[in-house]
Amino acid sequence: MKIEFFFTIIALVAVSISCRQRAEIKHIIINELGKDTIINIKTDKTYPTTLKVDIKGSADDTFIISGFKIKGGNVDTFWHTDWYKKIITINYQAYKATKGKLTVNFLLY
């Protein structure tokens, strides 16, 4: 009986912690692809651990986001990484791109 009660308490604590740390979604639009940009997004997450980045849109040529070289044309790419900071920093470099529009979605949890 004591062991079942102990595991019930552990389960309730785990659920309450996971409910408090919900995922936070932010998005930005980059429509001046010929211009290098550093994007900083502040979060209110207490203990973030994972960042997922989803990029959709179109570009006339290759561009670089946070070190990832992405070919132009129709863009639909995604990656995730460990992230422990309260500020999300994304470095956009035009490289060869001059025209287009990108929507960048960030999921931090």
PDB file of N, CA and C in Angstrom:
ATOM      1  N   MET A   1       0.816  -1.193   0.000  1.00  0.00           N
ATOM      2  CA  MET A   1       0.000   0.000   0.000  1.00  0.00           C
ATOM      3  C   MET A   1       0.867   1.267   0.000  1.00  0.00           C
ATOM      4  N   LYS A   2       1.939   1.266   0.785  1.00  0.00           N
ATOM      5  CA  LYS A   2       2.810   2.437   0.857  1.00  0.00           C
ATOM      6  C   LYS A   2       3.526   2.659  -0.473  1.00  0.00           C
ATOM      7  N   ILE A   3       3.915   1.589  -1.147  1.00  0.00           N
ATOM      8  CA  ILE A   3       4.623   1.710  -2.421  1.00  0.00           C
ATOM      9  C   ILE A   3       3.707   2.303  -3.480  1.00  0.00           C
ATOM     10  N   GLU A   4       2.448   1.878  -3.526  1.00  0.00           N
ATOM     11  CA  GLU A   4       1.495   2.429  -4.493  1.00  0.00           C
ATOM     12  C   GLU A   4       1.276   3.920  -4.242  1.00  0.00           C
ATOM     13  N   PHE A   5       1.156   4.302  -2.981  1.00  0.00           N
ATOM     14  CA  PHE A   5       0.983   5.710  -2.633  1.00  0.00           C
ATOM     15  C   PHE A   5       2.200   6.525  -3.064  1.00  0.00           C
ATOM     16  N   PHE A   6       3.391   6.002  -2.827  1.00  0.00           N
ATOM     17  CA  PHE A   6       4.629   6.671  -3.211  1.00  0.00           C
ATOM     18  C   PHE A   6       4.676   6.903  -4.724  1.00  0.00           C
ATOM     19  N   PHE A   7       4.362   5.873  -5.524  1.00  0.00           N
ATOM     20  CA  PHE A   7       4.378   6.014  -6.977  1.00  0.00           C
ATOM     21  C   PHE A   7       3.294   6.972  -7.470  1.00  0.00           C
ATOM     22  N   THR A   8       2.168   7.022  -6.798  1.00  0.00           N
ATOM     23  CA  THR A   8       1.110   7.968  -7.155  1.00  0.00           C
ATOM     24  C   THR A   8       1.589   9.400  -6.943  1.00  0.00           C
ATOM     25  N   ILE A   9       2.259   9.652  -5.830  1.00  0.00           N
ATOM     26  CA  ILE A   9       2.795  10.993  -5.546  1.00  0.00           C
ATOM     27  C   ILE A   9       3.833  11.377  -6.593  1.00  0.00           C
ATOM     28  N   ILE A  10       4.737  10.464  -6.938  1.00  0.00           N
ATOM     29  CA  ILE A  10       5.765  10.734  -7.956  1.00  0.00           C
ATOM     30  C   ILE A  10       5.099  11.070  -9.292  1.00  0.00           C
ATOM     31  N   ALA A  11       4.079  10.315  -9.672  1.00  0.00           N
ATOM     32  CA  ALA A  11       3.388  10.558 -10.946  1.00  0.00           C
ATOM     33  C   ALA A  11       2.714  11.926 -10.944  1.00  0.00           C
ATOM     34  N   LEU A  12       2.082  12.303  -9.849  1.00  0.00           N
ATOM     35  CA  LEU A  12       1.412  13.611  -9.772  1.00  0.00           C
ATOM     36  C   LEU A  12       2.422  14.760  -9.860  1.00  0.00           C
ATOM     37  N   VAL A  13       3.562  14.622  -9.229  1.00  0.00           N
ATOM     38  CA  VAL A  13       4.599  15.655  -9.306  1.00  0.00           C
ATOM     39  C   VAL A  13       5.115  15.777 -10.732  1.00  0.00           C
ATOM     40  N   ALA A  14       5.369  14.654 -11.384  1.00  0.00           N
ATOM     41  CA  ALA A  14       5.863  14.681 -12.761  1.00  0.00           C
ATOM     42  C   ALA A  14       4.868  15.338 -13.703  1.00  0.00           C
ATOM     43  N   VAL A  15       3.592  15.031 -13.548  1.00  0.00           N
ATOM     44  CA  VAL A  15       2.567  15.634 -14.406  1.00  0.00           C
ATOM     45  C   VAL A  15       2.460  17.123 -14.152  1.00  0.00           C
ATOM     46  N   SER A  16       2.522  17.546 -12.901  1.00  0.00           N
ATOM     47  CA  SER A  16       2.406  18.986 -12.613  1.00  0.00           C
ATOM     48  C   SER A  16       3.594  19.762 -13.170  1.00  0.00           C
ATOM     49  N   ILE A  17       4.788  19.183 -13.130  1.00  0.00           N
ATOM     50  CA  ILE A  17       5.957  19.856 -13.697  1.00  0.00           C
ATOM     51  C   ILE A  17       5.833  19.952 -15.207  1.00  0.00           C
ATOM     52  N   SER A  18       5.411  18.887 -15.871  1.00  0.00           N
ATOM     53  CA  SER A  18       5.298  18.919 -17.327  1.00  0.00           C
ATOM     54  C   SER A  18       4.203  19.871 -17.784  1.00  0.00           C
ATOM     55  N   CYS A  19       3.160  20.030 -17.003  1.00  0.00           N
ATOM     56  CA  CYS A  19       2.092  20.969 -17.372  1.00  0.00           C
ATOM     57  C   CYS A  19       2.563  22.416 -17.253  1.00  0.00           C
ATOM     58  N   ARG A  20       3.435  22.695 -16.300  1.00  0.00           N
ATOM     59  CA  ARG A  20       3.938  24.046 -16.136  1.00  0.00           C
ATOM     60  C   ARG A  20       4.892  24.443 -17.250  1.00  0.00           C
ATOM     61  N   GLN A  21       5.616  23.507 -17.797  1.00  0.00           N
ATOM     62  CA  GLN A  21       6.608  23.791 -18.830  1.00  0.00           C
ATOM     63  C   GLN A  21       6.039  23.493 -20.216  1.00  0.00           C
ATOM     64  N   ARG A  22       4.960  24.136 -20.583  1.00  0.00           N
ATOM     65  CA  ARG A  22       4.374  23.945 -21.910  1.00  0.00           C
ATOM     66  C   ARG A  22       5.285  24.514 -22.985  1.00  0.00           C
ATOM     67  N   ALA A  23       5.123  23.976 -24.176  1.00  0.00           N
ATOM     68  CA  ALA A  23       5.897  24.475 -25.307  1.00  0.00           C
ATOM     69  C   ALA A  23       5.441  25.886 -25.659  1.00  0.00           C
ATOM     70  N   GLU A  24       6.376  26.690 -26.087  1.00  0.00           N
ATOM     71  CA  GLU A  24       6.098  28.067 -26.483  1.00  0.00           C
ATOM     72  C   GLU A  24       6.432  28.219 -27.965  1.00  0.00           C
ATOM     73  N   ILE A  25       5.470  28.678 -28.752  1.00  0.00           N
ATOM     74  CA  ILE A  25       5.675  28.831 -30.187  1.00  0.00           C
ATOM     75  C   ILE A  25       5.763  30.317 -30.516  1.00  0.00           C
ATOM     76  N   LYS A  26       6.798  30.677 -31.253  1.00  0.00           N
ATOM     77  CA  LYS A  26       6.971  32.044 -31.750  1.00  0.00           C
ATOM     78  C   LYS A  26       7.250  31.948 -33.236  1.00  0.00           C
ATOM     79  N   HIS A  27       6.908  32.985 -33.968  1.00  0.00           N
ATOM     80  CA  HIS A  27       7.257  32.978 -35.389  1.00  0.00           C
ATOM     81  C   HIS A  27       7.634  34.384 -35.852  1.00  0.00           C
ATOM     82  N   ILE A  28       8.462  34.397 -36.876  1.00  0.00           N
ATOM     83  CA  ILE A  28       8.859  35.647 -37.506  1.00  0.00           C
ATOM     84  C   ILE A  28       8.783  35.460 -39.017  1.00  0.00           C
ATOM     85  N   ILE A  29       8.721  36.571 -39.709  1.00  0.00           N
ATOM     86  CA  ILE A  29       8.731  36.557 -41.172  1.00  0.00           C
ATOM     87  C   ILE A  29       9.939  37.351 -41.637  1.00  0.00           C
ATOM     88  N   ILE A  30      10.705  36.747 -42.524  1.00  0.00           N
ATOM     89  CA  ILE A  30      11.856  37.434 -43.135  1.00  0.00           C
ATOM     90  C   ILE A  30      11.478  37.682 -44.583  1.00  0.00           C
ATOM     91  N   ASN A  31      11.303  38.945 -44.955  1.00  0.00           N
ATOM     92  CA  ASN A  31      10.937  39.250 -46.338  1.00  0.00           C
ATOM     93  C   ASN A  31      11.964  40.121 -47.052  1.00  0.00           C
ATOM     94  N   GLU A  32      13.052  40.433 -46.378  1.00  0.00           N
ATOM     95  CA  GLU A  32      14.180  41.115 -47.016  1.00  0.00           C
ATOM     96  C   GLU A  32      15.345  40.136 -47.042  1.00  0.00           C
ATOM     97  N   LEU A  33      15.319  39.206 -47.982  1.00  0.00           N
ATOM     98  CA  LEU A  33      16.306  38.131 -47.986  1.00  0.00           C
ATOM     99  C   LEU A  33      17.698  38.586 -48.401  1.00  0.00           C
ATOM    100  N   GLY A  34      17.827  39.755 -48.963  1.00  0.00           N
ATOM    101  CA  GLY A  34      19.138  40.246 -49.359  1.00  0.00           C
ATOM    102  C   GLY A  34      19.905  40.907 -48.224  1.00  0.00           C
ATOM    103  N   LYS A  35      19.343  40.905 -47.028  1.00  0.00           N
ATOM    104  CA  LYS A  35      19.928  41.623 -45.900  1.00  0.00           C
ATOM    105  C   LYS A  35      20.241  40.654 -44.757  1.00  0.00           C
ATOM    106  N   ASP A  36      21.486  40.646 -44.287  1.00  0.00           N
ATOM    107  CA  ASP A  36      21.854  39.819 -43.138  1.00  0.00           C
ATOM    108  C   ASP A  36      21.142  40.326 -41.888  1.00  0.00           C
ATOM    109  N   THR A  37      20.698  39.409 -41.054  1.00  0.00           N
ATOM    110  CA  THR A  37      19.920  39.781 -39.881  1.00  0.00           C
ATOM    111  C   THR A  37      20.235  38.849 -38.716  1.00  0.00           C
ATOM    112  N   ILE A  38      20.298  39.401 -37.526  1.00  0.00           N
ATOM    113  CA  ILE A  38      20.376  38.602 -36.305  1.00  0.00           C
ATOM    114  C   ILE A  38      19.048  38.762 -35.584  1.00  0.00           C
ATOM    115  N   ILE A  39      18.422  37.639 -35.288  1.00  0.00           N
ATOM    116  CA  ILE A  39      17.097  37.636 -34.669  1.00  0.00           C
ATOM    117  C   ILE A  39      17.253  37.161 -33.226  1.00  0.00           C
ATOM    118  N   ASN A  40      16.787  37.963 -32.285  1.00  0.00           N
ATOM    119  CA  ASN A  40      16.784  37.595 -30.870  1.00  0.00           C
ATOM    120  C   ASN A  40      15.350  37.586 -30.375  1.00  0.00           C
ATOM    121  N   ILE A  41      14.934  36.459 -29.820  1.00  0.00           N
ATOM    122  CA  ILE A  41      13.582  36.334 -29.282  1.00  0.00           C
ATOM    123  C   ILE A  41      13.698  35.934 -27.817  1.00  0.00           C
ATOM    124  N   LYS A  42      13.139  36.763 -26.937  1.00  0.00           N
ATOM    125  CA  LYS A  42      13.185  36.481 -25.509  1.00  0.00           C
ATOM    126  C   LYS A  42      12.015  35.574 -25.143  1.00  0.00           C
ATOM    127  N   THR A  43      12.269  34.632 -24.269  1.00  0.00           N
ATOM    128  CA  THR A  43      11.241  33.698 -23.833  1.00  0.00           C
ATOM    129  C   THR A  43      11.038  33.810 -22.331  1.00  0.00           C
ATOM    130  N   ASP A  44       9.880  33.386 -21.881  1.00  0.00           N
ATOM    131  CA  ASP A  44       9.615  33.386 -20.445  1.00  0.00           C
ATOM    132  C   ASP A  44       9.769  31.984 -19.847  1.00  0.00           C
ATOM    133  N   LYS A  45      10.310  31.058 -20.620  1.00  0.00           N
ATOM    134  CA  LYS A  45      10.534  29.702 -20.128  1.00  0.00           C
ATOM    135  C   LYS A  45      11.551  29.714 -18.992  1.00  0.00           C
ATOM    136  N   THR A  46      11.235  29.009 -17.924  1.00  0.00           N
ATOM    137  CA  THR A  46      12.127  28.948 -16.779  1.00  0.00           C
ATOM    138  C   THR A  46      13.336  28.066 -17.050  1.00  0.00           C
ATOM    139  N   TYR A  47      13.092  26.878 -17.585  1.00  0.00           N
ATOM    140  CA  TYR A  47      14.162  25.923 -17.869  1.00  0.00           C
ATOM    141  C   TYR A  47      13.996  25.341 -19.267  1.00  0.00           C
ATOM    142  N   PRO A  48      14.258  26.120 -20.323  1.00  0.00           N
ATOM    143  CA  PRO A  48      14.132  25.550 -21.666  1.00  0.00           C
ATOM    144  C   PRO A  48      15.212  24.499 -21.907  1.00  0.00           C
ATOM    145  N   THR A  49      14.874  23.499 -22.718  1.00  0.00           N
ATOM    146  CA  THR A  49      15.852  22.453 -23.016  1.00  0.00           C
ATOM    147  C   THR A  49      15.948  22.150 -24.508  1.00  0.00           C
ATOM    148  N   THR A  50      14.892  22.393 -25.257  1.00  0.00           N
ATOM    149  CA  THR A  50      14.889  22.003 -26.665  1.00  0.00           C
ATOM    150  C   THR A  50      14.309  23.122 -27.517  1.00  0.00           C
ATOM    151  N   LEU A  51      14.954  23.366 -28.655  1.00  0.00           N
ATOM    152  CA  LEU A  51      14.471  24.348 -29.624  1.00  0.00           C
ATOM    153  C   LEU A  51      14.251  23.641 -30.948  1.00  0.00           C
ATOM    154  N   LYS A  52      13.060  23.806 -31.507  1.00  0.00           N
ATOM    155  CA  LYS A  52      12.761  23.287 -32.833  1.00  0.00           C
ATOM    156  C   LYS A  52      12.529  24.476 -33.749  1.00  0.00           C
ATOM    157  N   VAL A  53      13.127  24.425 -34.930  1.00  0.00           N
ATOM    158  CA  VAL A  53      13.023  25.513 -35.901  1.00  0.00           C
ATOM    159  C   VAL A  53      12.435  24.946 -37.186  1.00  0.00           C
ATOM    160  N   ASP A  54      11.370  25.594 -37.682  1.00  0.00           N
ATOM    161  CA  ASP A  54      10.680  25.180 -38.898  1.00  0.00           C
ATOM    162  C   ASP A  54      10.682  26.370 -39.850  1.00  0.00           C
ATOM    163  N   ILE A  55      11.231  26.195 -41.053  1.00  0.00           N
ATOM    164  CA  ILE A  55      11.331  27.285 -42.020  1.00  0.00           C
ATOM    165  C   ILE A  55      10.548  26.913 -43.271  1.00  0.00           C
ATOM    166  N   LYS A  56       9.638  27.806 -43.675  1.00  0.00           N
ATOM    167  CA  LYS A  56       8.850  27.597 -44.894  1.00  0.00           C
ATOM    168  C   LYS A  56       8.816  28.889 -45.680  1.00  0.00           C
ATOM    169  N   GLY A  57       8.695  28.763 -46.984  1.00  0.00           N
ATOM    170  CA  GLY A  57       8.603  29.937 -47.842  1.00  0.00           C
ATOM    171  C   GLY A  57       9.318  29.702 -49.144  1.00  0.00           C
ATOM    172  N   SER A  58       9.848  30.796 -49.697  1.00  0.00           N
ATOM    173  CA  SER A  58      10.579  30.686 -50.961  1.00  0.00           C
ATOM    174  C   SER A  58      11.715  31.696 -50.980  1.00  0.00           C
ATOM    175  N   ALA A  59      12.769  31.327 -51.711  1.00  0.00           N
ATOM    176  CA  ALA A  59      13.938  32.193 -51.863  1.00  0.00           C
ATOM    177  C   ALA A  59      14.475  32.009 -53.276  1.00  0.00           C
ATOM    178  N   ASP A  60      15.013  33.078 -53.836  1.00  0.00           N
ATOM    179  CA  ASP A  60      15.523  32.991 -55.208  1.00  0.00           C
ATOM    180  C   ASP A  60      16.874  32.293 -55.300  1.00  0.00           C
ATOM    181  N   ASP A  61      17.576  32.140 -54.167  1.00  0.00           N
ATOM    182  CA  ASP A  61      18.877  31.459 -54.184  1.00  0.00           C
ATOM    183  C   ASP A  61      19.219  30.995 -52.773  1.00  0.00           C
ATOM    184  N   THR A  62      20.406  30.452 -52.601  1.00  0.00           N
ATOM    185  CA  THR A  62      20.861  29.869 -51.337  1.00  0.00           C
ATOM    186  C   THR A  62      21.051  30.937 -50.263  1.00  0.00           C
ATOM    187  N   PHE A  63      20.674  30.581 -49.017  1.00  0.00           N
ATOM    188  CA  PHE A  63      20.872  31.446 -47.857  1.00  0.00           C
ATOM    189  C   PHE A  63      21.347  30.583 -46.697  1.00  0.00           C
ATOM    190  N   ILE A  64      21.772  31.220 -45.621  1.00  0.00           N
ATOM    191  CA  ILE A  64      22.296  30.501 -44.457  1.00  0.00           C
ATOM    192  C   ILE A  64      21.544  30.959 -43.209  1.00  0.00           C
ATOM    193  N   ILE A  65      21.084  29.984 -42.428  1.00  0.00           N
ATOM    194  CA  ILE A  65      20.468  30.292 -41.128  1.00  0.00           C
ATOM    195  C   ILE A  65      21.207  29.497 -40.064  1.00  0.00           C
ATOM    196  N   SER A  66      21.804  30.225 -39.134  1.00  0.00           N
ATOM    197  CA  SER A  66      22.539  29.622 -38.012  1.00  0.00           C
ATOM    198  C   SER A  66      23.496  28.524 -38.453  1.00  0.00           C
ATOM    199  N   GLY A  67      24.219  28.791 -39.530  1.00  0.00           N
ATOM    200  CA  GLY A  67      25.217  27.857 -40.008  1.00  0.00           C
ATOM    201  C   GLY A  67      24.712  26.805 -40.980  1.00  0.00           C
ATOM    202  N   PHE A  68      23.406  26.701 -41.169  1.00  0.00           N
ATOM    203  CA  PHE A  68      22.834  25.737 -42.111  1.00  0.00           C
ATOM    204  C   PHE A  68      22.626  26.401 -43.465  1.00  0.00           C
ATOM    205  N   LYS A  69      23.277  25.898 -44.488  1.00  0.00           N
ATOM    206  CA  LYS A  69      23.113  26.429 -45.844  1.00  0.00           C
ATOM    207  C   LYS A  69      21.869  25.783 -46.449  1.00  0.00           C
ATOM    208  N   ILE A  70      20.927  26.614 -46.896  1.00  0.00           N
ATOM    209  CA  ILE A  70      19.647  26.121 -47.414  1.00  0.00           C
ATOM    210  C   ILE A  70      19.489  26.590 -48.850  1.00  0.00           C
ATOM    211  N   LYS A  71      19.205  25.643 -49.741  1.00  0.00           N
ATOM    212  CA  LYS A  71      19.036  25.960 -51.159  1.00  0.00           C
ATOM    213  C   LYS A  71      17.788  26.795 -51.388  1.00  0.00           C
ATOM    214  N   GLY A  72      17.838  27.620 -52.436  1.00  0.00           N
ATOM    215  CA  GLY A  72      16.695  28.446 -52.801  1.00  0.00           C
ATOM    216  C   GLY A  72      15.585  27.610 -53.433  1.00  0.00           C
ATOM    217  N   GLY A  73      14.536  28.290 -53.849  1.00  0.00           N
ATOM    218  CA  GLY A  73      13.346  27.621 -54.378  1.00  0.00           C
ATOM    219  C   GLY A  73      12.297  27.555 -53.289  1.00  0.00           C
ATOM    220  N   ASN A  74      11.433  26.554 -53.353  1.00  0.00           N
ATOM    221  CA  ASN A  74      10.467  26.353 -52.273  1.00  0.00           C
ATOM    222  C   ASN A  74      11.189  25.759 -51.075  1.00  0.00           C
ATOM    223  N   VAL A  75      11.068  26.425 -49.944  1.00  0.00           N
ATOM    224  CA  VAL A  75      11.783  26.027 -48.739  1.00  0.00           C
ATOM    225  C   VAL A  75      10.801  25.411 -47.754  1.00  0.00           C
ATOM    226  N   ASP A  76      11.136  24.228 -47.271  1.00  0.00           N
ATOM    227  CA  ASP A  76      10.357  23.553 -46.239  1.00  0.00           C
ATOM    228  C   ASP A  76      11.337  22.674 -45.471  1.00  0.00           C
ATOM    229  N   THR A  77      11.936  23.229 -44.423  1.00  0.00           N
ATOM    230  CA  THR A  77      12.966  22.507 -43.681  1.00  0.00           C
ATOM    231  C   THR A  77      12.736  22.648 -42.186  1.00  0.00           C
ATOM    232  N   PHE A  78      13.340  21.748 -41.427  1.00  0.00           N
ATOM    233  CA  PHE A  78      13.093  21.660 -40.003  1.00  0.00           C
ATOM    234  C   PHE A  78      14.333  21.090 -39.320  1.00  0.00           C
ATOM    235  N   TRP A  79      14.654  21.605 -38.153  1.00  0.00           N
ATOM    236  CA  TRP A  79      15.683  20.973 -37.321  1.00  0.00           C
ATOM    237  C   TRP A  79      15.404  21.276 -35.863  1.00  0.00           C
ATOM    238  N   HIS A  80      16.014  20.507 -34.986  1.00  0.00           N
ATOM    239  CA  HIS A  80      15.901  20.776 -33.551  1.00  0.00           C
ATOM    240  C   HIS A  80      17.264  20.595 -32.895  1.00  0.00           C
ATOM    241  N   THR A  81      17.413  21.241 -31.760  1.00  0.00           N
ATOM    242  CA  THR A  81      18.684  21.230 -31.048  1.00  0.00           C
ATOM    243  C   THR A  81      18.432  21.430 -29.555  1.00  0.00           C
ATOM    244  N   ASP A  82      19.397  21.063 -28.745  1.00  0.00           N
ATOM    245  CA  ASP A  82      19.330  21.398 -27.326  1.00  0.00           C
ATOM    246  C   ASP A  82      19.459  22.914 -27.196  1.00  0.00           C
ATOM    247  N   TRP A  83      18.681  23.498 -26.296  1.00  0.00           N
ATOM    248  CA  TRP A  83      18.734  24.945 -26.096  1.00  0.00           C
ATOM    249  C   TRP A  83      18.417  25.252 -24.647  1.00  0.00           C
ATOM    250  N   TYR A  84      19.351  25.891 -23.945  1.00  0.00           N
ATOM    251  CA  TYR A  84      19.195  26.121 -22.514  1.00  0.00           C
ATOM    252  C   TYR A  84      19.172  27.602 -22.145  1.00  0.00           C
ATOM    253  N   LYS A  85      19.029  28.464 -23.116  1.00  0.00           N
ATOM    254  CA  LYS A  85      19.037  29.908 -22.851  1.00  0.00           C
ATOM    255  C   LYS A  85      17.626  30.477 -22.953  1.00  0.00           C
ATOM    256  N   LYS A  86      17.419  31.626 -22.328  1.00  0.00           N
ATOM    257  CA  LYS A  86      16.116  32.290 -22.378  1.00  0.00           C
ATOM    258  C   LYS A  86      15.971  33.202 -23.587  1.00  0.00           C
ATOM    259  N   ILE A  87      17.041  33.373 -24.353  1.00  0.00           N
ATOM    260  CA  ILE A  87      16.977  34.165 -25.579  1.00  0.00           C
ATOM    261  C   ILE A  87      17.341  33.262 -26.750  1.00  0.00           C
ATOM    262  N   ILE A  88      16.438  33.199 -27.720  1.00  0.00           N
ATOM    263  CA  ILE A  88      16.679  32.437 -28.940  1.00  0.00           C
ATOM    264  C   ILE A  88      17.400  33.369 -29.902  1.00  0.00           C
ATOM    265  N   THR A  89      18.561  32.967 -30.385  1.00  0.00           N
ATOM    266  CA  THR A  89      19.329  33.777 -31.321  1.00  0.00           C
ATOM    267  C   THR A  89      19.480  33.016 -32.630  1.00  0.00           C
ATOM    268  N   ILE A  90      18.981  33.609 -33.707  1.00  0.00           N
ATOM    269  CA  ILE A  90      19.076  33.028 -35.039  1.00  0.00           C
ATOM    270  C   ILE A  90      19.834  34.014 -35.917  1.00  0.00           C
ATOM    271  N   ASN A  91      20.857  33.532 -36.599  1.00  0.00           N
ATOM    272  CA  ASN A  91      21.665  34.373 -37.470  1.00  0.00           C
ATOM    273  C   ASN A  91      21.299  34.071 -38.926  1.00  0.00           C
ATOM    274  N   TYR A  92      20.646  35.028 -39.604  1.00  0.00           N
ATOM    275  CA  TYR A  92      20.297  34.878 -41.019  1.00  0.00           C
ATOM    276  C   TYR A  92      21.349  35.582 -41.865  1.00  0.00           C
ATOM    277  N   GLN A  93      21.919  34.861 -42.853  1.00  0.00           N
ATOM    278  CA  GLN A  93      22.869  35.451 -43.793  1.00  0.00           C
ATOM    279  C   GLN A  93      22.323  35.286 -45.202  1.00  0.00           C
ATOM    280  N   ALA A  94      22.285  36.356 -45.938  1.00  0.00           N
ATOM    281  CA  ALA A  94      21.707  36.343 -47.284  1.00  0.00           C
ATOM    282  C   ALA A  94      22.470  35.410 -48.230  1.00  0.00           C
ATOM    283  N   TYR A  95      23.764  35.308 -48.099  1.00  0.00           N
ATOM    284  CA  TYR A  95      24.629  34.515 -48.969  1.00  0.00           C
ATOM    285  C   TYR A  95      24.360  34.906 -50.419  1.00  0.00           C
ATOM    286  N   LYS A  96      23.583  34.120 -51.185  1.00  0.00           N
ATOM    287  CA  LYS A  96      23.266  34.467 -52.574  1.00  0.00           C
ATOM    288  C   LYS A  96      21.822  34.925 -52.756  1.00  0.00           C
ATOM    289  N   ALA A  97      20.998  34.795 -51.748  1.00  0.00           N
ATOM    290  CA  ALA A  97      19.577  35.138 -51.863  1.00  0.00           C
ATOM    291  C   ALA A  97      19.374  36.654 -51.856  1.00  0.00           C
ATOM    292  N   THR A  98      18.434  37.120 -52.669  1.00  0.00           N
ATOM    293  CA  THR A  98      18.091  38.546 -52.694  1.00  0.00           C
ATOM    294  C   THR A  98      16.587  38.777 -52.571  1.00  0.00           C
ATOM    295  N   LYS A  99      15.780  37.806 -53.008  1.00  0.00           N
ATOM    296  CA  LYS A  99      14.326  37.973 -52.999  1.00  0.00           C
ATOM    297  C   LYS A  99      13.656  36.735 -52.431  1.00  0.00           C
ATOM    298  N   GLY A 100      12.478  36.952 -51.880  1.00  0.00           N
ATOM    299  CA  GLY A 100      11.682  35.852 -51.357  1.00  0.00           C
ATOM    300  C   GLY A 100      11.065  36.216 -50.024  1.00  0.00           C
ATOM    301  N   LYS A 101      10.450  35.231 -49.408  1.00  0.00           N
ATOM    302  CA  LYS A 101       9.795  35.432 -48.113  1.00  0.00           C
ATOM    303  C   LYS A 101       9.871  34.116 -47.343  1.00  0.00           C
ATOM    304  N   LEU A 102      10.312  34.201 -46.092  1.00  0.00           N
ATOM    305  CA  LEU A 102      10.434  33.026 -45.242  1.00  0.00           C
ATOM    306  C   LEU A 102       9.653  33.228 -43.954  1.00  0.00           C
ATOM    307  N   THR A 103       8.965  32.191 -43.529  1.00  0.00           N
ATOM    308  CA  THR A 103       8.332  32.177 -42.220  1.00  0.00           C
ATOM    309  C   THR A 103       9.120  31.204 -41.358  1.00  0.00           C
ATOM    310  N   VAL A 104       9.616  31.696 -40.237  1.00  0.00           N
ATOM    311  CA  VAL A 104      10.409  30.880 -39.331  1.00  0.00           C
ATOM    312  C   VAL A 104       9.629  30.703 -38.042  1.00  0.00           C
ATOM    313  N   ASN A 105       9.285  29.453 -37.727  1.00  0.00           N
ATOM    314  CA  ASN A 105       8.567  29.119 -36.495  1.00  0.00           C
ATOM    315  C   ASN A 105       9.532  28.501 -35.509  1.00  0.00           C
ATOM    316  N   PHE A 106       9.447  28.950 -34.261  1.00  0.00           N
ATOM    317  CA  PHE A 106      10.288  28.450 -33.180  1.00  0.00           C
ATOM    318  C   PHE A 106       9.396  27.775 -32.164  1.00  0.00           C
ATOM    319  N   LEU A 107       9.742  26.584 -31.768  1.00  0.00           N
ATOM    320  CA  LEU A 107       9.045  25.868 -30.702  1.00  0.00           C
ATOM    321  C   LEU A 107      10.069  25.599 -29.620  1.00  0.00           C
ATOM    322  N   LEU A 108       9.864  26.206 -28.459  1.00  0.00           N
ATOM    323  CA  LEU A 108      10.809  26.080 -27.361  1.00  0.00           C
ATOM    324  C   LEU A 108      10.111  25.413 -26.178  1.00  0.00           C
ATOM    325  N   TYR A 109      10.737  24.363 -25.683  1.00  0.00           N
ATOM    326  CA  TYR A 109      10.181  23.704 -24.492  1.00  0.00           C
ATOM    327  C   TYR A 109      11.274  23.064 -23.674  1.00  0.00           C
TER     328      TYR A 109
END
